N, C-alpha and C. Protein backbone atom coordinates (compact mmCIF):
# COMPACT_ATOMS: atom_id res chain seq x y z
N MET A 1 48.23 -19.28 79.84
CA MET A 1 49.12 -18.47 79.01
C MET A 1 48.79 -18.80 77.55
N PHE A 2 49.04 -18.39 76.55
CA PHE A 2 48.87 -18.72 75.15
C PHE A 2 47.69 -19.63 74.84
N HIS A 3 46.52 -19.21 75.31
CA HIS A 3 45.31 -19.99 75.05
C HIS A 3 44.97 -20.02 73.57
N TRP A 4 45.36 -19.00 72.84
CA TRP A 4 45.06 -18.96 71.41
C TRP A 4 45.73 -20.11 70.69
N LEU A 5 46.89 -20.56 71.17
CA LEU A 5 47.58 -21.67 70.53
C LEU A 5 46.81 -22.96 70.75
N ARG A 6 46.25 -23.10 71.95
CA ARG A 6 45.46 -24.29 72.25
C ARG A 6 44.12 -24.26 71.53
N SER A 7 43.59 -23.07 71.33
CA SER A 7 42.27 -22.97 70.71
C SER A 7 42.37 -22.72 69.21
N ILE A 8 43.46 -23.15 68.61
CA ILE A 8 43.66 -22.94 67.18
C ILE A 8 42.57 -23.63 66.36
N THR A 9 41.95 -24.63 66.92
CA THR A 9 40.90 -25.33 66.18
C THR A 9 39.72 -24.42 65.90
N ASN A 10 39.55 -23.34 66.68
CA ASN A 10 38.47 -22.39 66.40
C ASN A 10 38.70 -21.68 65.08
N LEU A 11 39.94 -21.62 64.64
CA LEU A 11 40.26 -20.99 63.37
C LEU A 11 39.70 -21.80 62.21
N PHE A 12 39.68 -23.10 62.37
CA PHE A 12 39.28 -23.99 61.28
C PHE A 12 37.98 -24.67 61.65
N HIS A 13 36.89 -24.15 61.15
CA HIS A 13 35.60 -24.73 61.47
C HIS A 13 34.96 -25.25 60.19
N ARG A 14 33.88 -25.94 60.36
CA ARG A 14 33.18 -26.55 59.23
C ARG A 14 32.68 -25.48 58.26
N PRO A 15 32.72 -25.78 56.99
CA PRO A 15 32.20 -24.81 56.03
C PRO A 15 30.74 -24.51 56.28
N GLY A 16 30.42 -23.25 56.24
CA GLY A 16 29.04 -22.83 56.44
C GLY A 16 28.42 -22.49 55.10
N LYS A 17 27.86 -21.33 55.02
CA LYS A 17 27.24 -20.86 53.79
C LYS A 17 28.32 -20.58 52.75
N ARG A 18 28.15 -21.13 51.57
CA ARG A 18 29.15 -20.96 50.53
C ARG A 18 28.61 -20.10 49.40
N THR A 19 29.50 -19.35 48.83
CA THR A 19 29.11 -18.58 47.66
C THR A 19 29.74 -19.24 46.45
N SER A 20 28.96 -19.40 45.40
CA SER A 20 29.47 -20.11 44.22
C SER A 20 30.37 -19.23 43.36
N SER A 21 30.29 -17.91 43.52
CA SER A 21 31.04 -17.02 42.65
C SER A 21 32.55 -17.12 42.84
N SER A 22 32.99 -17.29 44.07
CA SER A 22 34.43 -17.31 44.32
C SER A 22 34.87 -18.63 44.95
N ALA A 23 34.14 -19.68 44.70
CA ALA A 23 34.43 -20.97 45.32
C ALA A 23 35.68 -21.58 44.72
N PRO A 24 36.67 -21.90 45.59
CA PRO A 24 37.81 -22.64 45.05
C PRO A 24 37.36 -24.06 44.77
N PRO A 25 38.06 -24.75 43.90
CA PRO A 25 37.67 -26.12 43.63
C PRO A 25 37.68 -26.96 44.90
N GLU A 26 36.86 -27.98 44.91
CA GLU A 26 36.78 -28.86 46.08
C GLU A 26 38.14 -29.46 46.39
N ARG A 27 38.96 -29.68 45.38
CA ARG A 27 40.27 -30.28 45.64
C ARG A 27 41.14 -29.37 46.51
N VAL A 28 40.97 -28.04 46.39
CA VAL A 28 41.75 -27.13 47.24
C VAL A 28 41.29 -27.26 48.69
N ARG A 29 39.98 -27.37 48.90
CA ARG A 29 39.48 -27.56 50.27
C ARG A 29 39.95 -28.89 50.83
N ARG A 30 39.95 -29.92 50.00
CA ARG A 30 40.45 -31.24 50.45
C ARG A 30 41.92 -31.15 50.80
N ARG A 31 42.68 -30.47 49.96
CA ARG A 31 44.12 -30.32 50.23
C ARG A 31 44.34 -29.53 51.51
N TRP A 32 43.51 -28.50 51.74
CA TRP A 32 43.64 -27.72 52.97
C TRP A 32 43.44 -28.61 54.19
N ARG A 33 42.44 -29.47 54.11
CA ARG A 33 42.16 -30.37 55.23
C ARG A 33 43.27 -31.40 55.42
N SER A 34 44.09 -31.63 54.40
CA SER A 34 45.18 -32.60 54.52
C SER A 34 46.41 -32.01 55.22
N LEU A 35 46.43 -30.69 55.42
CA LEU A 35 47.58 -30.07 56.09
C LEU A 35 47.59 -30.44 57.57
N THR A 36 48.79 -30.48 58.15
CA THR A 36 48.89 -30.70 59.59
C THR A 36 48.46 -29.43 60.31
N MET A 37 48.21 -29.54 61.59
CA MET A 37 47.79 -28.37 62.36
C MET A 37 48.89 -27.30 62.34
N ARG A 38 50.14 -27.69 62.44
CA ARG A 38 51.23 -26.72 62.42
C ARG A 38 51.31 -26.03 61.06
N GLN A 39 51.11 -26.79 59.99
CA GLN A 39 51.13 -26.18 58.66
C GLN A 39 49.97 -25.19 58.51
N ARG A 40 48.82 -25.51 59.08
CA ARG A 40 47.69 -24.59 59.04
C ARG A 40 47.99 -23.32 59.84
N GLN A 41 48.64 -23.49 60.99
CA GLN A 41 49.00 -22.33 61.81
C GLN A 41 49.93 -21.41 61.03
N VAL A 42 50.96 -21.99 60.44
CA VAL A 42 51.93 -21.19 59.69
C VAL A 42 51.26 -20.53 58.49
N ALA A 43 50.42 -21.28 57.79
CA ALA A 43 49.71 -20.72 56.63
C ALA A 43 48.84 -19.54 57.05
N ALA A 44 48.16 -19.69 58.18
CA ALA A 44 47.30 -18.60 58.67
C ALA A 44 48.13 -17.36 58.99
N LEU A 45 49.28 -17.56 59.60
CA LEU A 45 50.13 -16.41 59.94
C LEU A 45 50.72 -15.77 58.69
N VAL A 46 51.04 -16.59 57.69
CA VAL A 46 51.49 -16.03 56.41
C VAL A 46 50.36 -15.22 55.79
N GLY A 47 49.14 -15.73 55.89
CA GLY A 47 47.98 -15.02 55.37
C GLY A 47 47.71 -13.71 56.08
N LEU A 48 48.17 -13.62 57.34
CA LEU A 48 48.04 -12.37 58.10
C LEU A 48 49.26 -11.47 57.93
N ASN A 49 50.12 -11.82 56.96
CA ASN A 49 51.30 -11.03 56.57
C ASN A 49 52.38 -10.94 57.64
N PHE A 50 52.56 -12.01 58.39
CA PHE A 50 53.68 -12.06 59.33
C PHE A 50 54.93 -12.54 58.60
N THR A 51 56.09 -12.09 59.06
CA THR A 51 57.36 -12.55 58.49
C THR A 51 57.71 -13.90 59.12
N TYR A 52 58.68 -14.57 58.51
CA TYR A 52 59.12 -15.86 59.07
C TYR A 52 59.65 -15.67 60.49
N GLN A 53 60.35 -14.58 60.73
CA GLN A 53 60.87 -14.31 62.07
C GLN A 53 59.71 -14.15 63.07
N GLN A 54 58.70 -13.39 62.70
CA GLN A 54 57.55 -13.20 63.58
C GLN A 54 56.79 -14.51 63.80
N ILE A 55 56.62 -15.29 62.75
CA ILE A 55 55.96 -16.59 62.87
C ILE A 55 56.74 -17.48 63.83
N GLY A 56 58.05 -17.48 63.68
CA GLY A 56 58.90 -18.27 64.57
C GLY A 56 58.75 -17.84 66.02
N ASP A 57 58.71 -16.54 66.25
CA ASP A 57 58.56 -16.03 67.62
C ASP A 57 57.21 -16.41 68.21
N ILE A 58 56.16 -16.34 67.41
CA ILE A 58 54.82 -16.64 67.90
C ILE A 58 54.66 -18.13 68.20
N LEU A 59 55.19 -18.98 67.30
CA LEU A 59 54.99 -20.42 67.44
C LEU A 59 56.16 -21.14 68.12
N TYR A 60 57.16 -20.38 68.55
CA TYR A 60 58.34 -20.95 69.20
C TYR A 60 59.06 -21.96 68.31
N ILE A 61 59.26 -21.56 67.07
CA ILE A 61 60.04 -22.35 66.12
C ILE A 61 61.03 -21.40 65.47
N SER A 62 62.01 -21.95 64.77
CA SER A 62 62.97 -21.08 64.10
C SER A 62 62.35 -20.50 62.82
N PRO A 63 62.87 -19.37 62.36
CA PRO A 63 62.38 -18.81 61.09
C PRO A 63 62.58 -19.79 59.93
N HIS A 64 63.66 -20.55 59.99
CA HIS A 64 63.92 -21.55 58.96
C HIS A 64 62.83 -22.61 58.94
N THR A 65 62.39 -23.04 60.12
CA THR A 65 61.31 -24.03 60.22
C THR A 65 60.01 -23.44 59.70
N ALA A 66 59.74 -22.18 60.01
CA ALA A 66 58.54 -21.51 59.51
C ALA A 66 58.56 -21.47 57.98
N ARG A 67 59.71 -21.20 57.43
CA ARG A 67 59.86 -21.16 55.97
C ARG A 67 59.65 -22.56 55.38
N SER A 68 60.19 -23.58 56.04
CA SER A 68 60.01 -24.96 55.57
C SER A 68 58.54 -25.36 55.58
N HIS A 69 57.84 -25.00 56.66
CA HIS A 69 56.41 -25.29 56.74
C HIS A 69 55.67 -24.59 55.60
N THR A 70 56.06 -23.34 55.32
CA THR A 70 55.40 -22.60 54.26
C THR A 70 55.64 -23.27 52.91
N ARG A 71 56.87 -23.69 52.66
CA ARG A 71 57.16 -24.40 51.41
C ARG A 71 56.33 -25.67 51.29
N ASN A 72 56.19 -26.41 52.41
CA ASN A 72 55.40 -27.63 52.39
C ASN A 72 53.92 -27.34 52.13
N VAL A 73 53.41 -26.25 52.71
CA VAL A 73 52.03 -25.86 52.47
C VAL A 73 51.82 -25.54 51.00
N LEU A 74 52.73 -24.75 50.43
CA LEU A 74 52.62 -24.39 49.02
C LEU A 74 52.64 -25.64 48.14
N SER A 75 53.50 -26.57 48.49
CA SER A 75 53.60 -27.81 47.73
C SER A 75 52.32 -28.64 47.84
N LYS A 76 51.82 -28.80 49.05
CA LYS A 76 50.63 -29.61 49.26
C LYS A 76 49.39 -29.00 48.60
N LEU A 77 49.31 -27.67 48.59
CA LEU A 77 48.16 -27.00 47.99
C LEU A 77 48.33 -26.79 46.48
N HIS A 78 49.53 -27.13 45.96
CA HIS A 78 49.83 -26.97 44.54
C HIS A 78 49.68 -25.52 44.10
N ILE A 79 50.26 -24.62 44.91
CA ILE A 79 50.28 -23.21 44.53
C ILE A 79 51.72 -22.74 44.50
N LYS A 80 51.96 -21.61 43.82
CA LYS A 80 53.34 -21.26 43.50
C LYS A 80 54.03 -20.32 44.48
N ASP A 81 53.28 -19.44 45.17
CA ASP A 81 53.95 -18.47 46.04
C ASP A 81 53.03 -18.02 47.17
N LYS A 82 53.59 -17.21 48.07
CA LYS A 82 52.83 -16.74 49.23
C LYS A 82 51.68 -15.83 48.84
N ALA A 83 51.83 -15.10 47.77
CA ALA A 83 50.74 -14.22 47.31
C ALA A 83 49.53 -15.05 46.91
N GLU A 84 49.77 -16.14 46.21
CA GLU A 84 48.67 -17.01 45.83
C GLU A 84 48.07 -17.70 47.05
N LEU A 85 48.92 -18.02 48.04
CA LEU A 85 48.43 -18.59 49.29
C LEU A 85 47.48 -17.61 49.98
N CYS A 86 47.85 -16.34 50.01
CA CYS A 86 46.98 -15.32 50.62
C CYS A 86 45.64 -15.25 49.89
N THR A 87 45.66 -15.37 48.57
CA THR A 87 44.42 -15.36 47.80
C THR A 87 43.56 -16.56 48.14
N VAL A 88 44.16 -17.74 48.20
CA VAL A 88 43.43 -18.96 48.54
C VAL A 88 42.86 -18.85 49.95
N LEU A 89 43.63 -18.33 50.88
CA LEU A 89 43.16 -18.18 52.26
C LEU A 89 41.98 -17.21 52.33
N SER A 90 42.03 -16.13 51.58
CA SER A 90 40.92 -15.18 51.63
C SER A 90 39.65 -15.80 51.03
N ILE A 91 39.80 -16.62 50.00
CA ILE A 91 38.64 -17.30 49.42
C ILE A 91 38.09 -18.32 50.40
N LEU A 92 38.97 -19.07 51.04
CA LEU A 92 38.52 -20.05 52.04
C LEU A 92 37.84 -19.35 53.22
N GLU A 93 38.32 -18.17 53.56
CA GLU A 93 37.70 -17.41 54.64
C GLU A 93 36.31 -16.92 54.22
N GLU A 94 36.18 -16.47 53.00
CA GLU A 94 34.87 -16.05 52.48
C GLU A 94 33.85 -17.17 52.58
N GLN A 95 34.31 -18.38 52.34
CA GLN A 95 33.42 -19.54 52.35
C GLN A 95 33.17 -20.08 53.75
N GLY A 96 33.87 -19.58 54.74
CA GLY A 96 33.67 -20.05 56.10
C GLY A 96 34.46 -21.29 56.46
N VAL A 97 35.44 -21.65 55.63
CA VAL A 97 36.27 -22.81 55.93
C VAL A 97 37.27 -22.46 57.03
N ILE A 98 37.79 -21.25 56.99
CA ILE A 98 38.71 -20.77 58.02
C ILE A 98 38.25 -19.39 58.48
N ASN A 99 38.83 -18.92 59.59
CA ASN A 99 38.47 -17.60 60.12
C ASN A 99 39.74 -16.86 60.51
N LEU A 100 40.39 -16.27 59.53
CA LEU A 100 41.65 -15.56 59.79
C LEU A 100 41.45 -14.34 60.67
N GLN A 101 40.34 -13.66 60.49
CA GLN A 101 40.08 -12.45 61.27
C GLN A 101 40.03 -12.77 62.76
N ALA A 102 39.34 -13.83 63.12
CA ALA A 102 39.26 -14.22 64.53
C ALA A 102 40.63 -14.61 65.06
N TYR A 103 41.41 -15.28 64.24
CA TYR A 103 42.75 -15.68 64.64
C TYR A 103 43.63 -14.46 64.86
N GLY A 104 43.54 -13.50 63.96
CA GLY A 104 44.31 -12.26 64.12
C GLY A 104 43.89 -11.51 65.37
N ASN A 105 42.59 -11.49 65.67
CA ASN A 105 42.11 -10.83 66.88
C ASN A 105 42.63 -11.53 68.13
N GLN A 106 42.70 -12.85 68.10
CA GLN A 106 43.25 -13.61 69.24
C GLN A 106 44.71 -13.25 69.45
N LEU A 107 45.45 -13.15 68.36
CA LEU A 107 46.87 -12.81 68.47
C LEU A 107 47.05 -11.42 69.07
N ASP A 108 46.26 -10.46 68.59
CA ASP A 108 46.34 -9.09 69.10
C ASP A 108 46.00 -9.04 70.59
N HIS A 109 44.95 -9.76 70.98
CA HIS A 109 44.53 -9.79 72.38
C HIS A 109 45.62 -10.38 73.27
N ASN A 110 46.25 -11.46 72.82
CA ASN A 110 47.27 -12.12 73.63
C ASN A 110 48.56 -11.31 73.70
N ARG A 111 48.82 -10.48 72.72
CA ARG A 111 50.00 -9.63 72.79
C ARG A 111 49.82 -8.53 73.82
N LEU A 112 48.58 -8.10 74.02
CA LEU A 112 48.30 -7.03 74.97
C LEU A 112 48.31 -7.54 76.40
N THR A 113 48.05 -8.83 76.61
CA THR A 113 47.98 -9.36 77.99
C THR A 113 49.29 -9.95 78.40
C-alpha cells in the first residue's frame, strides 16, 4: 500500500549536473540536507501546491502539524514564505538535488490505485 511513502528517498538523490546560472548558494543545499525526512516530505508537497489539509491527508498528520513542519522548514532554510520555498525547490530541482516531478507522479499513480 503507499509504496511512495516508503520510497520517498527517491525524491532526494545526489546532485547531478549543475548549472551555474541559477545555482542557490551551497548553504541552502546544506540547509536542505539538514531537514528531517518528514520536513522534506512536507516541503515537497508544499512545492507541489498542496494545502495543509491535503498534506495532512496524504501523510496522515493533522493540518496543524503540516503547518508546523512548514514553519520549521522555512525557519531552517532562512526563507520568509511558501512562495520563496517554491522558488528554492524549483532551483534545487533544476540542479538535480530533488525530483518533485517524480514525486508528484508517484502521488498521482497511488491515488488512481
